[in-house]
Amino acid sequence: MALKIYSTEVIIQVVIDLSSIRSAAGMTQVQLADALGTTQGQISRIERQSDMLLSTLSAYLSALGVDAQIVVEVGEQTMTYDLTGRKRAR
């Protein structure tokens, strides 16, 4: 049984913001596709997806040169996981 941490709305919001993150990083879909060794069409599909693997999100963000972490809170314990390999997780 898979554990879903985020609601569908949160996942969709993250995906919607991917194009904004890419634009803020100063890259076009074509430039990002070249950096990832894929096509512009595939980048467009990624940006429209309503769900994706963390490995896909990690590769996308790493190619943009951004830092990203996942923060999980369980009770009073907080765990931070580095998603892009650019910044040390605490």
PDB file of N, CA and C in Angstrom:
ATOM      1  N   MET A   1       0.838  -1.172   0.000  1.00  0.00           N
ATOM      2  CA  MET A   1       0.000   0.000   0.000  1.00  0.00           C
ATOM      3  C   MET A   1       0.888   1.242   0.000  1.00  0.00           C
ATOM      4  N   ALA A   2       0.636   2.148  -0.927  1.00  0.00           N
ATOM      5  CA  ALA A   2       1.432   3.363  -1.050  1.00  0.00           C
ATOM      6  C   ALA A   2       0.927   4.427  -0.079  1.00  0.00           C
ATOM      7  N   LEU A   3       1.858   5.190   0.450  1.00  0.00           N
ATOM      8  CA  LEU A   3       1.524   6.275   1.367  1.00  0.00           C
ATOM      9  C   LEU A   3       1.518   7.575   0.585  1.00  0.00           C
ATOM     10  N   LYS A   4       0.399   8.266   0.566  1.00  0.00           N
ATOM     11  CA  LYS A   4       0.316   9.570  -0.078  1.00  0.00           C
ATOM     12  C   LYS A   4       0.437  10.634   0.992  1.00  0.00           C
ATOM     13  N   ILE A   5       1.424  11.487   0.855  1.00  0.00           N
ATOM     14  CA  ILE A   5       1.660  12.528   1.848  1.00  0.00           C
ATOM     15  C   ILE A   5       0.910  13.806   1.480  1.00  0.00           C
ATOM     16  N   TYR A   6       0.867  14.126   0.201  1.00  0.00           N
ATOM     17  CA  TYR A   6       0.264  15.377  -0.241  1.00  0.00           C
ATOM     18  C   TYR A   6      -1.071  15.124  -0.918  1.00  0.00           C
ATOM     19  N   SER A   7      -1.958  16.075  -0.804  1.00  0.00           N
ATOM     20  CA  SER A   7      -3.232  15.985  -1.507  1.00  0.00           C
ATOM     21  C   SER A   7      -2.989  16.247  -2.987  1.00  0.00           C
ATOM     22  N   THR A   8      -3.929  15.860  -3.819  1.00  0.00           N
ATOM     23  CA  THR A   8      -3.822  16.081  -5.257  1.00  0.00           C
ATOM     24  C   THR A   8      -3.645  17.560  -5.565  1.00  0.00           C
ATOM     25  N   GLU A   9      -4.319  18.419  -4.829  1.00  0.00           N
ATOM     26  CA  GLU A   9      -4.224  19.855  -5.082  1.00  0.00           C
ATOM     27  C   GLU A   9      -2.795  20.359  -4.898  1.00  0.00           C
ATOM     28  N   VAL A  10      -2.103  19.869  -3.874  1.00  0.00           N
ATOM     29  CA  VAL A  10      -0.726  20.289  -3.629  1.00  0.00           C
ATOM     30  C   VAL A  10       0.172  19.797  -4.750  1.00  0.00           C
ATOM     31  N   ILE A  11       0.003  18.553  -5.175  1.00  0.00           N
ATOM     32  CA  ILE A  11       0.814  18.009  -6.262  1.00  0.00           C
ATOM     33  C   ILE A  11       0.595  18.816  -7.531  1.00  0.00           C
ATOM     34  N   ILE A  12      -0.643  19.113  -7.861  1.00  0.00           N
ATOM     35  CA  ILE A  12      -0.943  19.898  -9.059  1.00  0.00           C
ATOM     36  C   ILE A  12      -0.326  21.283  -8.952  1.00  0.00           C
ATOM     37  N   GLN A  13      -0.394  21.911  -7.784  1.00  0.00           N
ATOM     38  CA  GLN A  13       0.188  23.236  -7.598  1.00  0.00           C
ATOM     39  C   GLN A  13       1.691  23.201  -7.832  1.00  0.00           C
ATOM     40  N   VAL A  14       2.368  22.172  -7.349  1.00  0.00           N
ATOM     41  CA  VAL A  14       3.806  22.041  -7.577  1.00  0.00           C
ATOM     42  C   VAL A  14       4.090  21.929  -9.063  1.00  0.00           C
ATOM     43  N   VAL A  15       3.310  21.123  -9.773  1.00  0.00           N
ATOM     44  CA  VAL A  15       3.523  20.941 -11.203  1.00  0.00           C
ATOM     45  C   VAL A  15       3.258  22.236 -11.954  1.00  0.00           C
ATOM     46  N   ILE A  16       2.204  22.945 -11.585  1.00  0.00           N
ATOM     47  CA  ILE A  16       1.908  24.221 -12.233  1.00  0.00           C
ATOM     48  C   ILE A  16       3.075  25.182 -12.046  1.00  0.00           C
ATOM     49  N   ASP A  17       3.679  25.177 -10.886  1.00  0.00           N
ATOM     50  CA  ASP A  17       4.780  26.078 -10.599  1.00  0.00           C
ATOM     51  C   ASP A  17       6.094  25.683 -11.275  1.00  0.00           C
ATOM     52  N   LEU A  18       6.204  24.481 -11.822  1.00  0.00           N
ATOM     53  CA  LEU A  18       7.451  24.081 -12.473  1.00  0.00           C
ATOM     54  C   LEU A  18       7.811  25.020 -13.615  1.00  0.00           C
ATOM     55  N   SER A  19       6.839  25.425 -14.409  1.00  0.00           N
ATOM     56  CA  SER A  19       7.150  26.340 -15.504  1.00  0.00           C
ATOM     57  C   SER A  19       7.588  27.698 -14.961  1.00  0.00           C
ATOM     58  N   SER A  20       7.020  28.123 -13.839  1.00  0.00           N
ATOM     59  CA  SER A  20       7.440  29.386 -13.219  1.00  0.00           C
ATOM     60  C   SER A  20       8.857  29.280 -12.677  1.00  0.00           C
ATOM     61  N   ILE A  21       9.185  28.130 -12.087  1.00  0.00           N
ATOM     62  CA  ILE A  21      10.546  27.911 -11.584  1.00  0.00           C
ATOM     63  C   ILE A  21      11.531  27.928 -12.745  1.00  0.00           C
ATOM     64  N   ARG A  22      11.173  27.255 -13.839  1.00  0.00           N
ATOM     65  CA  ARG A  22      12.041  27.227 -15.022  1.00  0.00           C
ATOM     66  C   ARG A  22      12.244  28.634 -15.565  1.00  0.00           C
ATOM     67  N   SER A  23      11.167  29.395 -15.673  1.00  0.00           N
ATOM     68  CA  SER A  23      11.268  30.772 -16.174  1.00  0.00           C
ATOM     69  C   SER A  23      12.128  31.635 -15.261  1.00  0.00           C
ATOM     70  N   ALA A  24      11.948  31.482 -13.950  1.00  0.00           N
ATOM     71  CA  ALA A  24      12.746  32.251 -12.988  1.00  0.00           C
ATOM     72  C   ALA A  24      14.221  31.891 -13.079  1.00  0.00           C
ATOM     73  N   ALA A  25      14.507  30.645 -13.459  1.00  0.00           N
ATOM     74  CA  ALA A  25      15.896  30.210 -13.628  1.00  0.00           C
ATOM     75  C   ALA A  25      16.470  30.683 -14.962  1.00  0.00           C
ATOM     76  N   GLY A  26      15.638  31.317 -15.780  1.00  0.00           N
ATOM     77  CA  GLY A  26      16.101  31.882 -17.048  1.00  0.00           C
ATOM     78  C   GLY A  26      16.284  30.863 -18.157  1.00  0.00           C
ATOM     79  N   MET A  27      15.548  29.763 -18.097  1.00  0.00           N
ATOM     80  CA  MET A  27      15.678  28.726 -19.126  1.00  0.00           C
ATOM     81  C   MET A  27      14.370  28.552 -19.880  1.00  0.00           C
ATOM     82  N   THR A  28      14.502  28.258 -21.156  1.00  0.00           N
ATOM     83  CA  THR A  28      13.348  27.893 -21.966  1.00  0.00           C
ATOM     84  C   THR A  28      13.154  26.383 -21.879  1.00  0.00           C
ATOM     85  N   GLN A  29      12.027  25.907 -22.370  1.00  0.00           N
ATOM     86  CA  GLN A  29      11.801  24.462 -22.412  1.00  0.00           C
ATOM     87  C   GLN A  29      12.853  23.782 -23.287  1.00  0.00           C
ATOM     88  N   VAL A  30      13.237  24.410 -24.369  1.00  0.00           N
ATOM     89  CA  VAL A  30      14.244  23.837 -25.274  1.00  0.00           C
ATOM     90  C   VAL A  30      15.598  23.731 -24.571  1.00  0.00           C
ATOM     91  N   GLN A  31      16.006  24.776 -23.870  1.00  0.00           N
ATOM     92  CA  GLN A  31      17.280  24.748 -23.147  1.00  0.00           C
ATOM     93  C   GLN A  31      17.281  23.674 -22.063  1.00  0.00           C
ATOM     94  N   LEU A  32      16.186  23.564 -21.335  1.00  0.00           N
ATOM     95  CA  LEU A  32      16.090  22.551 -20.289  1.00  0.00           C
ATOM     96  C   LEU A  32      16.099  21.153 -20.897  1.00  0.00           C
ATOM     97  N   ALA A  33      15.399  20.983 -22.004  1.00  0.00           N
ATOM     98  CA  ALA A  33      15.390  19.685 -22.692  1.00  0.00           C
ATOM     99  C   ALA A  33      16.800  19.293 -23.110  1.00  0.00           C
ATOM    100  N   ASP A  34      17.559  20.244 -23.650  1.00  0.00           N
ATOM    101  CA  ASP A  34      18.952  19.971 -24.036  1.00  0.00           C
ATOM    102  C   ASP A  34      19.780  19.557 -22.820  1.00  0.00           C
ATOM    103  N   ALA A  35      19.588  20.252 -21.703  1.00  0.00           N
ATOM    104  CA  ALA A  35      20.343  19.936 -20.484  1.00  0.00           C
ATOM    105  C   ALA A  35      20.008  18.544 -19.954  1.00  0.00           C
ATOM    106  N   LEU A  36      18.781  18.100 -20.170  1.00  0.00           N
ATOM    107  CA  LEU A  36      18.342  16.794 -19.681  1.00  0.00           C
ATOM    108  C   LEU A  36      18.465  15.689 -20.727  1.00  0.00           C
ATOM    109  N   GLY A  37      18.844  16.065 -21.945  1.00  0.00           N
ATOM    110  CA  GLY A  37      18.965  15.068 -23.007  1.00  0.00           C
ATOM    111  C   GLY A  37      17.620  14.520 -23.455  1.00  0.00           C
ATOM    112  N   THR A  38      16.629  15.391 -23.497  1.00  0.00           N
ATOM    113  CA  THR A  38      15.290  14.974 -23.914  1.00  0.00           C
ATOM    114  C   THR A  38      14.734  16.000 -24.892  1.00  0.00           C
ATOM    115  N   THR A  39      13.457  15.954 -25.139  1.00  0.00           N
ATOM    116  CA  THR A  39      12.842  16.869 -26.100  1.00  0.00           C
ATOM    117  C   THR A  39      12.048  17.961 -25.395  1.00  0.00           C
ATOM    118  N   GLN A  40      11.798  19.033 -26.125  1.00  0.00           N
ATOM    119  CA  GLN A  40      10.965  20.114 -25.602  1.00  0.00           C
ATOM    120  C   GLN A  40       9.571  19.587 -25.286  1.00  0.00           C
ATOM    121  N   GLY A  41       9.068  18.686 -26.106  1.00  0.00           N
ATOM    122  CA  GLY A  41       7.748  18.111 -25.875  1.00  0.00           C
ATOM    123  C   GLY A  41       7.666  17.363 -24.553  1.00  0.00           C
ATOM    124  N   GLN A  42       8.742  16.652 -24.206  1.00  0.00           N
ATOM    125  CA  GLN A  42       8.763  15.930 -22.933  1.00  0.00           C
ATOM    126  C   GLN A  42       8.763  16.905 -21.756  1.00  0.00           C
ATOM    127  N   ILE A  43       9.486  18.003 -21.878  1.00  0.00           N
ATOM    128  CA  ILE A  43       9.485  19.022 -20.815  1.00  0.00           C
ATOM    129  C   ILE A  43       8.082  19.597 -20.660  1.00  0.00           C
ATOM    130  N   SER A  44       7.425  19.862 -21.769  1.00  0.00           N
ATOM    131  CA  SER A  44       6.056  20.361 -21.725  1.00  0.00           C
ATOM    132  C   SER A  44       5.138  19.377 -21.008  1.00  0.00           C
ATOM    133  N   ARG A  45       5.293  18.093 -21.291  1.00  0.00           N
ATOM    134  CA  ARG A  45       4.473  17.066 -20.624  1.00  0.00           C
ATOM    135  C   ARG A  45       4.761  17.028 -19.117  1.00  0.00           C
ATOM    136  N   ILE A  46       6.036  17.115 -18.753  1.00  0.00           N
ATOM    137  CA  ILE A  46       6.399  17.116 -17.329  1.00  0.00           C
ATOM    138  C   ILE A  46       5.732  18.290 -16.617  1.00  0.00           C
ATOM    139  N   GLU A  47       5.765  19.452 -17.248  1.00  0.00           N
ATOM    140  CA  GLU A  47       5.199  20.651 -16.623  1.00  0.00           C
ATOM    141  C   GLU A  47       3.676  20.591 -16.512  1.00  0.00           C
ATOM    142  N   ARG A  48       3.038  19.741 -17.300  1.00  0.00           N
ATOM    143  CA  ARG A  48       1.578  19.605 -17.242  1.00  0.00           C
ATOM    144  C   ARG A  48       1.106  18.414 -16.411  1.00  0.00           C
ATOM    145  N   GLN A  49       2.027  17.539 -16.005  1.00  0.00           N
ATOM    146  CA  GLN A  49       1.649  16.343 -15.259  1.00  0.00           C
ATOM    147  C   GLN A  49       0.977  16.684 -13.940  1.00  0.00           C
ATOM    148  N   SER A  50       0.057  15.820 -13.518  1.00  0.00           N
ATOM    149  CA  SER A  50      -0.575  16.015 -12.218  1.00  0.00           C
ATOM    150  C   SER A  50       0.079  15.145 -11.146  1.00  0.00           C
ATOM    151  N   ASP A  51       1.048  14.319 -11.541  1.00  0.00           N
ATOM    152  CA  ASP A  51       1.750  13.444 -10.603  1.00  0.00           C
ATOM    153  C   ASP A  51       3.058  13.031 -11.273  1.00  0.00           C
ATOM    154  N   MET A  52       4.121  12.875 -10.515  1.00  0.00           N
ATOM    155  CA  MET A  52       5.390  12.446 -11.106  1.00  0.00           C
ATOM    156  C   MET A  52       6.262  11.778 -10.062  1.00  0.00           C
ATOM    157  N   LEU A  53       7.247  11.036 -10.550  1.00  0.00           N
ATOM    158  CA  LEU A  53       8.225  10.414  -9.665  1.00  0.00           C
ATOM    159  C   LEU A  53       9.146  11.484  -9.081  1.00  0.00           C
ATOM    160  N   LEU A  54       9.607  11.268  -7.863  1.00  0.00           N
ATOM    161  CA  LEU A  54      10.564  12.203  -7.263  1.00  0.00           C
ATOM    162  C   LEU A  54      11.845  12.275  -8.076  1.00  0.00           C
ATOM    163  N   SER A  55      12.249  11.167  -8.698  1.00  0.00           N
ATOM    164  CA  SER A  55      13.466  11.180  -9.513  1.00  0.00           C
ATOM    165  C   SER A  55      13.310  12.114 -10.713  1.00  0.00           C
ATOM    166  N   THR A  56      12.121  12.188 -11.285  1.00  0.00           N
ATOM    167  CA  THR A  56      11.855  13.106 -12.397  1.00  0.00           C
ATOM    168  C   THR A  56      11.926  14.543 -11.911  1.00  0.00           C
ATOM    169  N   LEU A  57      11.282  14.822 -10.789  1.00  0.00           N
ATOM    170  CA  LEU A  57      11.312  16.166 -10.214  1.00  0.00           C
ATOM    171  C   LEU A  57      12.734  16.566  -9.849  1.00  0.00           C
ATOM    172  N   SER A  58      13.491  15.639  -9.273  1.00  0.00           N
ATOM    173  CA  SER A  58      14.871  15.907  -8.888  1.00  0.00           C
ATOM    174  C   SER A  58      15.727  16.254 -10.097  1.00  0.00           C
ATOM    175  N   ALA A  59      15.616  15.477 -11.164  1.00  0.00           N
ATOM    176  CA  ALA A  59      16.395  15.741 -12.377  1.00  0.00           C
ATOM    177  C   ALA A  59      16.014  17.086 -12.984  1.00  0.00           C
ATOM    178  N   TYR A  60      14.737  17.375 -13.039  1.00  0.00           N
ATOM    179  CA  TYR A  60      14.229  18.637 -13.583  1.00  0.00           C
ATOM    180  C   TYR A  60      14.827  19.820 -12.819  1.00  0.00           C
ATOM    181  N   LEU A  61      14.720  19.789 -11.493  1.00  0.00           N
ATOM    182  CA  LEU A  61      15.214  20.894 -10.669  1.00  0.00           C
ATOM    183  C   LEU A  61      16.735  20.986 -10.676  1.00  0.00           C
ATOM    184  N   SER A  62      17.416  19.850 -10.681  1.00  0.00           N
ATOM    185  CA  SER A  62      18.886  19.849 -10.726  1.00  0.00           C
ATOM    186  C   SER A  62      19.387  20.489 -12.009  1.00  0.00           C
ATOM    187  N   ALA A  63      18.731  20.183 -13.130  1.00  0.00           N
ATOM    188  CA  ALA A  63      19.135  20.758 -14.416  1.00  0.00           C
ATOM    189  C   ALA A  63      18.942  22.269 -14.433  1.00  0.00           C
ATOM    190  N   LEU A  64      18.010  22.761 -13.641  1.00  0.00           N
ATOM    191  CA  LEU A  64      17.795  24.205 -13.535  1.00  0.00           C
ATOM    192  C   LEU A  64      18.803  24.866 -12.604  1.00  0.00           C
ATOM    193  N   GLY A  65      19.513  24.058 -11.813  1.00  0.00           N
ATOM    194  CA  GLY A  65      20.497  24.600 -10.883  1.00  0.00           C
ATOM    195  C   GLY A  65      19.884  25.187  -9.627  1.00  0.00           C
ATOM    196  N   VAL A  66      18.730  24.677  -9.231  1.00  0.00           N
ATOM    197  CA  VAL A  66      18.076  25.193  -8.026  1.00  0.00           C
ATOM    198  C   VAL A  66      18.253  24.222  -6.863  1.00  0.00           C
ATOM    199  N   ASP A  67      18.081  24.719  -5.654  1.00  0.00           N
ATOM    200  CA  ASP A  67      18.098  23.892  -4.447  1.00  0.00           C
ATOM    201  C   ASP A  67      16.662  23.524  -4.101  1.00  0.00           C
ATOM    202  N   ALA A  68      16.452  22.292  -3.665  1.00  0.00           N
ATOM    203  CA  ALA A  68      15.113  21.874  -3.243  1.00  0.00           C
ATOM    204  C   ALA A  68      15.238  20.800  -2.177  1.00  0.00           C
ATOM    205  N   GLN A  69      14.387  20.901  -1.190  1.00  0.00           N
ATOM    206  CA  GLN A  69      14.347  19.916  -0.119  1.00  0.00           C
ATOM    207  C   GLN A  69      12.900  19.491   0.109  1.00  0.00           C
ATOM    208  N   ILE A  70      12.756  18.301   0.659  1.00  0.00           N
ATOM    209  CA  ILE A  70      11.457  17.833   1.129  1.00  0.00           C
ATOM    210  C   ILE A  70      11.543  17.817   2.647  1.00  0.00           C
ATOM    211  N   VAL A  71      10.581  18.438   3.292  1.00  0.00           N
ATOM    212  CA  VAL A  71      10.553  18.478   4.748  1.00  0.00           C
ATOM    213  C   VAL A  71       9.369  17.642   5.217  1.00  0.00           C
ATOM    214  N   VAL A  72       9.671  16.666   6.067  1.00  0.00           N
ATOM    215  CA  VAL A  72       8.642  15.788   6.619  1.00  0.00           C
ATOM    216  C   VAL A  72       8.590  16.019   8.124  1.00  0.00           C
ATOM    217  N   GLU A  73       7.415  16.312   8.629  1.00  0.00           N
ATOM    218  CA  GLU A  73       7.232  16.506  10.063  1.00  0.00           C
ATOM    219  C   GLU A  73       6.388  15.369  10.609  1.00  0.00           C
ATOM    220  N   VAL A  74       6.941  14.669  11.595  1.00  0.00           N
ATOM    221  CA  VAL A  74       6.239  13.587  12.277  1.00  0.00           C
ATOM    222  C   VAL A  74       6.226  13.941  13.756  1.00  0.00           C
ATOM    223  N   GLY A  75       5.071  14.317  14.251  1.00  0.00           N
ATOM    224  CA  GLY A  75       5.005  14.791  15.629  1.00  0.00           C
ATOM    225  C   GLY A  75       5.881  16.021  15.781  1.00  0.00           C
ATOM    226  N   GLU A  76       6.828  15.952  16.700  1.00  0.00           N
ATOM    227  CA  GLU A  76       7.748  17.073  16.912  1.00  0.00           C
ATOM    228  C   GLU A  76       9.068  16.881  16.185  1.00  0.00           C
ATOM    229  N   GLN A  77       9.201  15.806  15.451  1.00  0.00           N
ATOM    230  CA  GLN A  77      10.435  15.519  14.721  1.00  0.00           C
ATOM    231  C   GLN A  77      10.315  16.026  13.286  1.00  0.00           C
ATOM    232  N   THR A  78      11.354  16.726  12.831  1.00  0.00           N
ATOM    233  CA  THR A  78      11.403  17.228  11.465  1.00  0.00           C
ATOM    234  C   THR A  78      12.573  16.575  10.746  1.00  0.00           C
ATOM    235  N   MET A  79      12.293  16.025   9.570  1.00  0.00           N
ATOM    236  CA  MET A  79      13.335  15.411   8.743  1.00  0.00           C
ATOM    237  C   MET A  79      13.374  16.145   7.413  1.00  0.00           C
ATOM    238  N   THR A  80      14.575  16.531   6.994  1.00  0.00           N
ATOM    239  CA  THR A  80      14.747  17.242   5.739  1.00  0.00           C
ATOM    240  C   THR A  80      15.576  16.390   4.801  1.00  0.00           C
ATOM    241  N   TYR A  81      15.073  16.222   3.586  1.00  0.00           N
ATOM    242  CA  TYR A  81      15.759  15.412   2.585  1.00  0.00           C
ATOM    243  C   TYR A  81      16.112  16.285   1.389  1.00  0.00           C
ATOM    244  N   ASP A  82      17.378  16.250   1.013  1.00  0.00           N
ATOM    245  CA  ASP A  82      17.851  16.998  -0.141  1.00  0.00           C
ATOM    246  C   ASP A  82      17.299  16.352  -1.399  1.00  0.00           C
ATOM    247  N   LEU A  83      16.749  17.142  -2.292  1.00  0.00           N
ATOM    248  CA  LEU A  83      16.153  16.611  -3.512  1.00  0.00           C
ATOM    249  C   LEU A  83      17.043  16.802  -4.730  1.00  0.00           C
ATOM    250  N   THR A  84      17.939  17.780  -4.692  1.00  0.00           N
ATOM    251  CA  THR A  84      18.720  18.089  -5.890  1.00  0.00           C
ATOM    252  C   THR A  84      20.210  17.822  -5.764  1.00  0.00           C
ATOM    253  N   GLY A  85      20.692  17.521  -4.574  1.00  0.00           N
ATOM    254  CA  GLY A  85      22.118  17.260  -4.409  1.00  0.00           C
ATOM    255  C   GLY A  85      22.973  18.507  -4.428  1.00  0.00           C
ATOM    256  N   ARG A  86      22.346  19.675  -4.397  1.00  0.00           N
ATOM    257  CA  ARG A  86      23.098  20.923  -4.459  1.00  0.00           C
ATOM    258  C   ARG A  86      23.359  21.524  -3.087  1.00  0.00           C
ATOM    259  N   LYS A  87      22.584  21.134  -2.103  1.00  0.00           N
ATOM    260  CA  LYS A  87      22.675  21.738  -0.783  1.00  0.00           C
ATOM    261  C   LYS A  87      22.547  20.629   0.252  1.00  0.00           C
ATOM    262  N   ARG A  88      23.326  20.703   1.273  1.00  0.00           N
ATOM    263  CA  ARG A  88      23.292  19.659   2.298  1.00  0.00           C
ATOM    264  C   ARG A  88      21.996  19.737   3.112  1.00  0.00           C
ATOM    265  N   ALA A  89      21.308  18.619   3.215  1.00  0.00           N
ATOM    266  CA  ALA A  89      20.066  18.561   4.001  1.00  0.00           C
ATOM    267  C   ALA A  89      20.397  18.574   5.488  1.00  0.00           C
ATOM    268  N   ARG A  90      19.547  19.225   6.285  1.00  0.00           N
ATOM    269  CA  ARG A  90      19.740  19.281   7.731  1.00  0.00           C
ATOM    270  C   ARG A  90      18.697  18.463   8.425  1.00  0.00           C
TER     271      ARG A  90
END
